[in-house]
């Protein structure tokens, strides 16, 4: 107990003892001590009840009442209550100031922010941008968010809760020309944040980039064809001193042609939302990949193909072959002479996985998150020596996205890499007899 409170407590007790002692003395002088002591005790109790009433009034009053000056327990209690009320009011002011600052910051955001009750899915609050981007008005407060934004079909999306994937290209209910990116952020057990960002400009720029790349790549085909034609007409034996120059020109023109073809392939994949579903016979596919790898390797590597799945896939034969071929050719290019490349197709639960394992240089862990970006290179000099364009893994990623598949990469420098393509059960179906006979022919060959 603090010293000043202890002092006030003993002073109050001293006053009580003095009052009772004075009552005893007065009663003894009057010859009736007990009635006088009783009246004195009742007076003390009445005074304490009166002070208690003042404390209750102070606790229920909305205005601040200055505490009385003096010593004693009740005066000390008044001062403590006054200090507690002052501190509480100061905390409330700080909280209100912080709340106003946060609201002002949220209102100034260019993104629409909507607070949604998790249980009732009703709108609790929204900022100004929500009116511009989502068309919410003041009367929408307290209403179901799915009804207020009916055109976005949010019911199933909100039902996913924490597992809801971002809606990347939604049409704004307020303006059909606006494209929105919607995200659901559960920030507490009771409330969600619905965040909508205007991505119209970004999508237009992305479309312009895709159109530019596609047009430029297409226009480069004609001059490259002319250059190839003239280079083929020049015989190095007629100009021995130009032989190294002609060989380098042919290599670089072929590399540029491959780059143009990859850019066109990438542009075509980006423009597609889906691919035709056809049965992809994996046994002939694996045999073809092995032949291509052997032709590229020129017997400098050991090639192993393991077909353990006993099933085929649904998808685009052409695009899947392109993705698989990119992984296999990368393994051949980036594996030193004498290394081993293993191509395995196996079941993974109800799905399937195709993996390409090599004993090559390996990829540092810091590069793995960006390895599928276009033109991203782990080693520029090594890529140029191998003849890569830097677009192969980007093409693989787009092909797999169109097949709802995913690419996983494991690598260790000096030990090699494993590129695994995982297919969902919906993409897997039993192997057809024709595919099995083709597999037998491939092994026989």
Protein backbone atom coordinates (compact mmCIF):
# COMPACT_ATOMS: atom_id res chain seq x y z
CA UNK A 1 0.00 0.00 0.00
CA UNK A 2 1.45 3.44 -0.91
CA UNK A 3 2.58 5.65 1.95
CA UNK A 4 0.03 8.44 1.41
CA UNK A 5 -2.87 5.98 1.33
CA UNK A 6 -1.61 4.30 4.52
CA UNK A 7 -1.36 7.71 6.19
CA UNK A 8 -4.93 8.63 5.16
CA UNK A 9 -6.20 5.28 6.40
CA UNK A 10 -4.60 5.67 9.85
CA UNK A 11 -5.85 9.25 10.06
CA UNK A 12 -9.44 8.15 9.43
CA UNK A 13 -9.11 5.40 12.05
CA UNK A 14 -7.69 7.95 14.50
CA UNK A 15 -10.63 10.27 13.89
CA UNK A 16 -13.04 7.38 14.52
CA UNK A 17 -11.27 6.47 17.79
CA UNK A 18 -11.34 10.10 18.95
CA UNK A 19 -15.07 10.43 18.20
CA UNK A 20 -15.89 7.24 20.09
CA UNK A 21 -13.60 8.22 22.99
CA UNK A 22 -15.26 11.64 23.22
CA UNK A 23 -18.69 9.94 23.21
CA UNK A 24 -17.63 7.61 26.02
CA UNK A 25 -16.31 10.56 28.08
CA UNK A 26 -19.47 12.61 27.48
CA UNK A 27 -21.70 9.66 28.35
CA UNK A 28 -19.73 9.02 31.55
CA UNK A 29 -20.12 12.66 32.56
CA UNK A 30 -23.89 12.49 31.87
CA UNK A 31 -24.19 9.16 33.61
CA UNK A 32 -25.57 7.46 30.43
CA UNK A 33 -22.53 6.28 28.41
CA UNK A 34 -24.15 3.70 26.13
CA UNK A 35 -26.88 5.88 24.56
CA UNK A 36 -24.30 8.59 23.84
CA UNK A 37 -21.85 6.06 22.30
CA UNK A 38 -24.68 4.59 20.22
CA UNK A 39 -25.68 8.02 18.89
CA UNK A 40 -22.04 8.79 18.10
CA UNK A 41 -21.62 5.49 16.24
CA UNK A 42 -24.81 6.10 14.24
CA UNK A 43 -23.51 9.55 13.36
CA UNK A 44 -20.21 8.08 12.16
CA UNK A 45 -22.08 5.49 10.04
CA UNK A 46 -24.37 8.20 8.62
CA UNK A 47 -21.36 10.35 7.73
CA UNK A 48 -19.66 7.42 5.95
CA UNK A 49 -22.87 6.65 4.03
CA UNK A 50 -23.04 10.30 2.98
CA UNK A 51 -19.46 10.12 1.68
CA UNK A 52 -20.30 6.83 -0.09
CA UNK A 53 -23.22 8.59 -1.79
CA UNK A 54 -20.84 11.28 -3.03
CA UNK A 55 -18.57 8.54 -4.49
CA UNK A 56 -21.52 6.97 -6.32
CA UNK A 57 -22.55 10.36 -7.69
CA UNK A 58 -18.99 10.89 -8.92
CA UNK A 59 -18.95 7.48 -10.62
CA UNK A 60 -22.27 8.05 -12.40
CA UNK A 61 -21.73 11.71 -13.31
CA UNK A 62 -20.63 12.45 -16.88
CA UNK A 63 -18.86 15.67 -15.92
CA UNK A 64 -15.64 15.74 -14.00
CA UNK A 65 -16.05 16.89 -10.36
CA UNK A 66 -13.01 18.34 -8.67
CA UNK A 67 -12.08 16.32 -5.55
CA UNK A 68 -12.35 17.99 -2.14
CA UNK A 69 -9.18 19.09 -0.41
CA UNK A 70 -8.19 17.47 2.82
CA UNK A 71 -6.90 14.24 4.29
CA UNK A 72 -8.65 11.00 5.04
CA UNK A 73 -9.63 7.85 3.22
CA UNK A 74 -12.65 9.35 1.46
CA UNK A 75 -10.74 12.36 0.17
CA UNK A 76 -7.96 10.05 -1.04
CA UNK A 77 -10.59 7.88 -2.75
CA UNK A 78 -12.01 10.99 -4.44
CA UNK A 79 -8.57 11.91 -5.73
CA UNK A 80 -7.94 8.37 -7.01
CA UNK A 81 -11.31 8.31 -8.82
CA UNK A 82 -10.63 11.74 -10.30
CA UNK A 83 -7.21 10.59 -11.56
CA UNK A 84 -8.65 7.35 -12.94
CA UNK A 85 -11.41 9.25 -14.77
CA UNK A 86 -8.88 11.69 -16.20
CA UNK A 87 -6.65 8.86 -17.43
CA UNK A 88 -9.62 7.02 -18.94
CA UNK A 89 -10.79 10.14 -20.76
CA UNK A 90 -7.26 10.68 -22.06
CA UNK A 91 -7.14 7.08 -23.32
CA UNK A 92 -10.53 7.51 -24.99
CA UNK A 93 -9.34 10.69 -26.70
CA UNK A 94 -6.23 8.91 -27.96
CA UNK A 95 -8.30 5.96 -29.20
CA UNK A 96 -10.75 8.29 -30.93
CA UNK A 97 -7.89 10.19 -32.54
CA UNK A 98 -6.35 6.92 -33.74
CA UNK A 99 -9.74 5.72 -35.02
CA UNK A 100 -10.27 8.98 -36.92
CA UNK A 101 -6.75 8.74 -38.37
CA UNK A 102 -7.29 5.12 -39.48
CA UNK A 103 -10.67 5.97 -40.97
CA UNK A 104 -9.20 8.94 -42.79
CA UNK A 105 -6.38 6.74 -44.12
CA UNK A 106 -8.85 4.03 -45.22
CA UNK A 107 -11.08 6.65 -46.82
CA UNK A 108 -8.12 8.06 -48.75
CA UNK A 109 -7.10 4.67 -50.17
CA UNK A 110 -7.59 4.31 -53.93
CA UNK A 111 -8.69 0.70 -53.32
CA UNK A 112 -12.21 -0.10 -52.19
CA UNK A 113 -12.27 -1.43 -48.62
CA UNK A 114 -15.44 -3.06 -47.23
CA UNK A 115 -15.75 -4.47 -43.71
CA UNK A 116 -18.00 -7.55 -43.79
CA UNK A 117 -19.42 -9.42 -40.81
CA UNK A 118 -18.14 -12.98 -41.07
CA UNK A 119 -21.29 -14.67 -39.72
CA UNK A 120 -24.03 -12.61 -41.38
CA UNK A 121 -21.99 -11.44 -44.40
CA UNK A 122 -23.45 -7.96 -43.96
CA UNK A 123 -21.71 -4.69 -44.80
CA UNK A 124 -20.44 -2.98 -41.65
CA UNK A 125 -18.39 -0.14 -43.15
CA UNK A 126 -16.84 0.94 -46.45
CA UNK A 127 -14.65 3.78 -47.69
CA UNK A 128 -15.24 6.32 -50.45
CA UNK A 129 -13.53 4.23 -53.12
CA UNK A 130 -16.13 1.49 -52.54
CA UNK A 131 -18.77 3.86 -53.89
CA UNK A 132 -16.73 4.55 -57.03
CA UNK A 133 -15.58 0.99 -57.71
CA UNK A 134 -18.38 -1.14 -56.23
CA UNK A 135 -21.33 1.24 -56.27
CA UNK A 136 -22.04 0.96 -52.53
CA UNK A 137 -24.20 3.70 -51.01
CA UNK A 138 -24.96 4.75 -47.44
CA UNK A 139 -28.22 2.77 -47.44
CA UNK A 140 -26.25 -0.40 -48.15
CA UNK A 141 -24.82 -0.42 -44.61
CA UNK A 142 -26.16 -3.43 -42.74
CA UNK A 143 -27.29 -5.19 -45.91
CA UNK A 144 -25.96 -8.52 -47.25
CA UNK A 145 -22.86 -7.84 -49.33
CA UNK A 146 -23.77 -10.55 -51.88
CA UNK A 147 -27.08 -8.81 -52.61
CA UNK A 148 -25.53 -5.36 -52.79
CA UNK A 149 -22.91 -6.69 -55.24
CA UNK A 150 -25.18 -9.18 -56.97
CA UNK A 151 -23.50 -8.82 -60.37
CA UNK A 152 -20.22 -10.20 -58.98
CA UNK A 153 -21.75 -13.50 -57.75
CA UNK A 154 -19.96 -13.39 -54.41
CA UNK A 155 -21.95 -16.03 -52.50
CA UNK A 156 -19.77 -19.04 -53.33
CA UNK A 157 -16.63 -16.92 -53.15
CA UNK A 158 -17.44 -15.65 -49.65
CA UNK A 159 -18.38 -19.17 -48.55
CA UNK A 160 -14.76 -20.24 -49.19
CA UNK A 161 -13.63 -17.81 -46.46
CA UNK A 162 -9.90 -18.05 -45.81
CA UNK A 163 -9.48 -20.33 -48.80
CA UNK A 164 -11.04 -17.87 -51.25
CA UNK A 165 -8.74 -17.26 -54.21
CA UNK A 166 -8.45 -13.66 -55.47
CA UNK A 167 -10.85 -12.71 -58.28
CA UNK A 168 -8.38 -11.35 -60.80
CA UNK A 169 -10.66 -9.89 -63.45
CA UNK A 170 -14.13 -8.94 -62.21
CA UNK A 171 -16.39 -6.38 -63.88
CA UNK A 172 -17.21 -3.43 -61.64
CA UNK A 173 -20.92 -3.13 -60.70
CA UNK A 174 -20.55 0.66 -60.82
CA UNK A 175 -18.86 0.93 -64.23
CA UNK A 176 -18.71 -1.93 -66.79
CA UNK A 177 -15.51 -0.44 -68.23
CA UNK A 178 -13.63 -1.01 -64.98
CA UNK A 179 -11.91 -4.30 -64.17
CA UNK A 180 -11.37 -5.18 -60.52
CA UNK A 181 -9.09 -7.46 -58.56
CA UNK A 182 -11.01 -8.69 -55.48
CA UNK A 183 -9.40 -10.14 -52.36
CA UNK A 184 -10.95 -11.41 -49.13
CA UNK A 185 -8.79 -10.86 -46.04
CA UNK A 186 -9.94 -12.44 -42.74
CA UNK A 187 -8.40 -10.09 -40.18
CA UNK A 188 -10.35 -11.30 -37.11
CA UNK A 189 -12.71 -14.03 -36.01
CA UNK A 190 -15.69 -11.76 -36.62
CA UNK A 191 -14.86 -9.53 -39.57
CA UNK A 192 -13.46 -9.80 -43.10
CA UNK A 193 -11.98 -7.15 -45.32
CA UNK A 194 -13.17 -7.14 -48.92
CA UNK A 195 -10.56 -5.23 -50.94
CA UNK A 196 -11.22 -4.27 -54.56
CA UNK A 197 -8.47 -2.75 -56.73
CA UNK A 198 -8.93 -1.12 -60.11
CA UNK A 199 -6.67 -3.05 -62.49
CA UNK A 200 -8.16 -1.70 -65.73
CA UNK A 201 -5.04 0.28 -66.66
CA UNK A 202 -2.73 -2.60 -65.79
CA UNK A 203 -4.79 -5.04 -67.89
CA UNK A 204 -4.78 -2.59 -70.82
CA UNK A 205 -1.01 -2.22 -70.55
CA UNK A 206 -0.61 -5.99 -70.34
CA UNK A 207 -2.78 -6.42 -73.43
CA UNK A 208 -0.73 -3.78 -75.25
CA UNK A 209 2.45 -5.62 -74.27
CA UNK A 210 1.09 -8.93 -75.49
CA UNK A 211 -0.07 -7.38 -78.76
CA UNK A 212 3.28 -5.65 -79.24
CA UNK A 213 5.27 -8.84 -78.61
CA UNK A 214 2.98 -10.87 -80.88
CA UNK A 215 3.09 -8.30 -83.70
CA UNK A 216 6.84 -7.73 -83.53
CA UNK A 217 7.52 -11.48 -83.38
CA UNK A 218 5.26 -12.05 -86.36
CA UNK A 219 6.87 -9.26 -88.36
CA UNK A 220 10.36 -10.60 -87.65
CA UNK A 221 9.56 -13.88 -89.34
CA UNK A 222 9.82 -12.50 -92.88
CA UNK A 223 13.24 -10.80 -92.58
CA UNK A 224 14.62 -13.82 -90.73
CA UNK A 225 13.41 -16.10 -93.53
CA UNK A 226 15.18 -13.90 -96.09
CA UNK A 227 18.39 -13.93 -94.03
CA UNK A 228 18.23 -17.72 -93.74
CA UNK A 229 17.76 -18.04 -97.48
CA UNK A 230 20.78 -15.94 -98.36
CA UNK A 231 22.94 -17.63 -95.72
CA UNK A 232 22.05 -21.04 -97.13
CA UNK A 233 23.06 -19.85 -100.60
CA UNK A 234 26.55 -18.94 -99.38
CA UNK A 235 28.83 -21.97 -99.52
CA UNK A 236 31.72 -21.74 -97.02
CA UNK A 237 33.94 -23.72 -99.42
CA UNK A 238 33.70 -20.85 -101.92
CA UNK A 239 34.85 -18.35 -99.31
CA UNK A 240 37.16 -20.23 -96.90
CA UNK A 241 38.20 -17.08 -95.08
CA UNK A 242 34.53 -16.31 -94.35
CA UNK A 243 33.65 -19.79 -93.09
CA UNK A 244 33.81 -18.93 -89.34
CA UNK A 245 31.79 -15.75 -89.93
CA UNK A 246 29.10 -17.58 -91.93
CA UNK A 247 28.86 -20.32 -89.30
CA UNK A 248 28.38 -17.77 -86.51
CA UNK A 249 25.76 -15.87 -88.56
CA UNK A 250 23.82 -19.09 -89.12
CA UNK A 251 23.95 -19.95 -85.41
CA UNK A 252 22.75 -16.51 -84.36
CA UNK A 253 19.97 -16.37 -86.98
CA UNK A 254 18.76 -19.79 -85.87
CA UNK A 255 18.82 -18.62 -82.26
CA UNK A 256 16.81 -15.52 -83.19
CA UNK A 257 14.33 -17.67 -85.13
CA UNK A 258 13.86 -19.89 -82.07
CA UNK A 259 13.36 -16.81 -79.90
CA UNK A 260 10.68 -15.50 -82.27
CA UNK A 261 8.92 -18.87 -82.29
CA UNK A 262 8.97 -19.02 -78.49
CA UNK A 263 7.58 -15.49 -78.23
CA UNK A 264 4.77 -16.36 -80.61
CA UNK A 265 4.02 -19.53 -78.65
CA UNK A 266 3.95 -17.58 -75.39
CA UNK A 267 1.67 -14.91 -76.87
CA UNK A 268 -0.70 -17.58 -78.16
CA UNK A 269 -0.84 -19.29 -74.76
CA UNK A 270 -1.48 -16.01 -72.94
CA UNK A 271 -4.39 -15.26 -75.25
CA UNK A 272 -6.07 -18.62 -74.55
CA UNK A 273 -8.42 -19.28 -71.65
CA UNK A 274 -8.63 -23.02 -72.19
CA UNK A 275 -7.34 -25.82 -74.39
CA UNK A 276 -9.17 -28.68 -76.09
CA UNK A 277 -9.36 -31.82 -73.96
CA UNK A 278 -8.15 -34.85 -75.82
CA UNK A 279 -6.68 -38.12 -74.69
CA UNK A 280 -2.91 -37.83 -74.42
CA UNK A 281 -1.32 -41.28 -74.76
CA UNK A 282 1.65 -41.12 -72.42
CA UNK A 283 3.52 -44.21 -73.62
CA UNK A 284 4.09 -42.81 -77.16
CA UNK A 285 4.70 -39.40 -75.60
CA UNK A 286 7.50 -40.74 -73.41
CA UNK A 287 9.01 -42.64 -76.35
CA UNK A 288 9.00 -39.43 -78.43
CA UNK A 289 10.61 -37.44 -75.61
CA UNK A 290 13.33 -40.06 -75.31
CA UNK A 291 14.11 -39.94 -79.04
CA UNK A 292 14.28 -36.14 -78.96
CA UNK A 293 16.56 -36.21 -75.92
CA UNK A 294 18.87 -38.75 -77.56
CA UNK A 295 19.07 -36.63 -80.71
CA UNK A 296 19.92 -33.54 -78.66
CA UNK A 297 22.33 -35.39 -76.38
CA UNK A 298 24.25 -37.15 -79.19
CA UNK A 299 24.97 -40.04 -76.79
CA UNK A 300 26.76 -37.78 -74.32
CA UNK A 301 24.34 -38.57 -71.47
CA UNK A 302 22.63 -41.61 -69.99
CA UNK A 303 18.86 -41.39 -70.60
CA UNK A 304 16.41 -43.38 -68.46
CA UNK A 305 12.61 -43.45 -68.99
CA UNK A 306 10.38 -44.99 -66.32
CA UNK A 307 6.67 -45.40 -67.09
CA UNK A 308 5.13 -46.52 -63.81
CA UNK A 309 1.74 -44.78 -63.91
CA UNK A 310 -0.18 -47.06 -66.26
CA UNK A 311 -2.54 -44.20 -67.17
CA UNK A 312 -3.01 -41.43 -69.72
CA UNK A 313 -3.92 -37.76 -69.44
CA UNK A 314 -6.64 -35.42 -70.64
CA UNK A 315 -5.33 -32.29 -72.30
CA UNK A 316 -3.78 -30.80 -75.39
CA UNK A 317 -1.32 -33.25 -76.94
CA UNK A 318 0.59 -30.48 -78.70
CA UNK A 319 0.94 -28.17 -75.71
CA UNK A 320 1.81 -30.91 -73.22
CA UNK A 321 4.46 -32.21 -75.59
CA UNK A 322 5.85 -28.68 -75.79
CA UNK A 323 6.01 -28.40 -71.99
CA UNK A 324 7.54 -31.85 -71.47
CA UNK A 325 10.02 -31.31 -74.29
CA UNK A 326 11.17 -28.01 -72.76
CA UNK A 327 11.95 -29.69 -69.45
CA UNK A 328 13.78 -32.59 -71.09
CA UNK A 329 15.81 -30.35 -73.42
CA UNK A 330 16.77 -28.10 -70.48
CA UNK A 331 17.96 -31.16 -68.57
CA UNK A 332 20.12 -32.19 -71.53
CA UNK A 333 21.55 -28.69 -72.07
CA UNK A 334 22.45 -28.08 -68.43
CA UNK A 335 23.86 -31.52 -67.59
CA UNK A 336 27.58 -32.09 -68.15
CA UNK A 337 28.78 -34.87 -70.44
CA UNK A 338 28.45 -38.26 -68.76
CA UNK A 339 25.53 -37.19 -66.56
CA UNK A 340 22.21 -39.01 -66.18
CA UNK A 341 18.74 -37.76 -67.06
CA UNK A 342 15.75 -39.70 -65.71
CA UNK A 343 12.22 -39.16 -67.00
CA UNK A 344 9.58 -40.72 -64.72
CA UNK A 345 5.80 -40.87 -65.10
CA UNK A 346 4.09 -42.22 -61.96
CA UNK A 347 0.83 -42.09 -60.02
CA UNK A 348 0.41 -39.67 -57.13
CA UNK A 349 -2.69 -40.68 -55.21
CA UNK A 350 -5.55 -40.34 -57.70
CA UNK A 351 -3.45 -37.96 -59.80
CA UNK A 352 -0.18 -38.33 -61.67
CA UNK A 353 3.25 -36.75 -61.72
CA UNK A 354 5.83 -36.49 -64.49
CA UNK A 355 9.32 -35.69 -63.24
CA UNK A 356 12.58 -34.90 -65.02
CA UNK A 357 15.66 -35.53 -62.88
CA UNK A 358 19.16 -34.57 -63.95
CA UNK A 359 22.65 -34.62 -62.46
CA UNK A 360 23.51 -31.20 -63.82
CA UNK A 361 24.87 -27.99 -62.38
CA UNK A 362 21.89 -27.33 -60.12
CA UNK A 363 20.14 -24.04 -59.37
CA UNK A 364 20.82 -21.85 -56.29
CA UNK A 365 17.81 -21.60 -53.98
CA UNK A 366 17.66 -17.80 -54.38
CA UNK A 367 16.85 -18.20 -58.10
CA UNK A 368 14.03 -20.76 -57.77
CA UNK A 369 11.15 -18.30 -57.06
CA UNK A 370 11.87 -16.45 -60.35
CA UNK A 371 13.01 -19.33 -62.53
CA UNK A 372 9.74 -19.42 -64.53
CA UNK A 373 9.80 -15.70 -65.39
CA UNK A 374 10.34 -14.88 -69.04
CA UNK A 375 13.96 -14.14 -69.99
CA UNK A 376 15.12 -14.86 -66.45
CA UNK A 377 18.52 -16.53 -66.48
CA UNK A 378 20.44 -18.13 -63.65
CA UNK A 379 23.70 -17.87 -65.63
CA UNK A 380 23.74 -15.69 -68.75
CA UNK A 381 26.95 -17.12 -70.16
CA UNK A 382 25.86 -20.73 -69.68
CA UNK A 383 22.45 -20.04 -71.26
CA UNK A 384 24.05 -18.48 -74.31
CA UNK A 385 26.43 -21.39 -74.68
CA UNK A 386 23.53 -23.85 -74.53
CA UNK A 387 21.44 -21.87 -77.00
CA UNK A 388 18.50 -21.25 -74.66
CA UNK A 389 16.08 -18.35 -75.19
CA UNK A 390 15.02 -17.88 -71.57
CA UNK A 391 11.36 -18.54 -72.42
CA UNK A 392 11.14 -22.31 -72.06
CA UNK A 393 10.05 -22.48 -68.40
CA UNK A 394 7.67 -19.56 -68.90
CA UNK A 395 5.98 -21.54 -71.69
CA UNK A 396 5.87 -24.58 -69.39
CA UNK A 397 4.18 -22.53 -66.65
CA UNK A 398 1.48 -21.21 -69.01
CA UNK A 399 0.79 -24.65 -70.46
CA UNK A 400 0.43 -26.14 -66.99
CA UNK A 401 -1.87 -23.34 -65.84
CA UNK A 402 -4.18 -24.13 -68.74
CA UNK A 403 -4.18 -27.78 -67.59
CA UNK A 404 -4.73 -26.91 -63.89
CA UNK A 405 -1.38 -28.54 -63.13
CA UNK A 406 1.53 -27.23 -61.09
CA UNK A 407 5.29 -27.26 -61.44
CA UNK A 408 7.54 -28.02 -58.47
CA UNK A 409 11.30 -27.54 -58.62
CA UNK A 410 13.90 -29.06 -56.31
CA UNK A 411 17.55 -28.30 -56.89
CA UNK A 412 20.91 -28.33 -55.19
CA UNK A 413 24.02 -26.76 -56.63
CA UNK A 414 26.41 -29.43 -57.87
CA UNK A 415 23.89 -32.24 -57.33
CA UNK A 416 21.29 -31.61 -60.04
CA UNK A 417 17.60 -30.69 -60.26
CA UNK A 418 14.18 -32.31 -60.29
CA UNK A 419 11.33 -30.68 -62.24
CA UNK A 420 7.98 -32.31 -61.34
CA UNK A 421 4.63 -31.69 -63.03
CA UNK A 422 1.67 -32.65 -60.84
CA UNK A 423 -1.70 -33.38 -62.48
CA UNK A 424 -5.04 -33.41 -60.66
CA UNK A 425 -7.20 -36.58 -60.68
CA UNK A 426 -9.54 -34.88 -63.19
CA UNK A 427 -6.71 -34.96 -65.74
CA UNK A 428 -6.00 -38.68 -65.36
CA UNK A 429 -7.82 -41.59 -67.01
CA UNK A 430 -7.05 -45.29 -67.50
CA UNK A 431 -4.61 -46.14 -70.26
CA UNK A 432 -6.15 -47.22 -73.52
CA UNK A 433 -5.12 -50.58 -75.07
CA UNK A 434 -3.71 -48.84 -78.12
CA UNK A 435 -1.42 -46.86 -75.86
CA UNK A 436 -0.22 -50.04 -74.17
CA UNK A 437 0.59 -51.66 -77.52
CA UNK A 438 2.46 -48.51 -78.57
CA UNK A 439 4.46 -48.72 -75.37
CA UNK A 440 5.34 -52.33 -76.15
CA UNK A 441 6.46 -51.33 -79.65
CA UNK A 442 8.54 -48.53 -78.21
CA UNK A 443 10.34 -50.91 -75.85
CA UNK A 444 10.83 -53.39 -78.66
CA UNK A 445 12.34 -50.71 -80.84
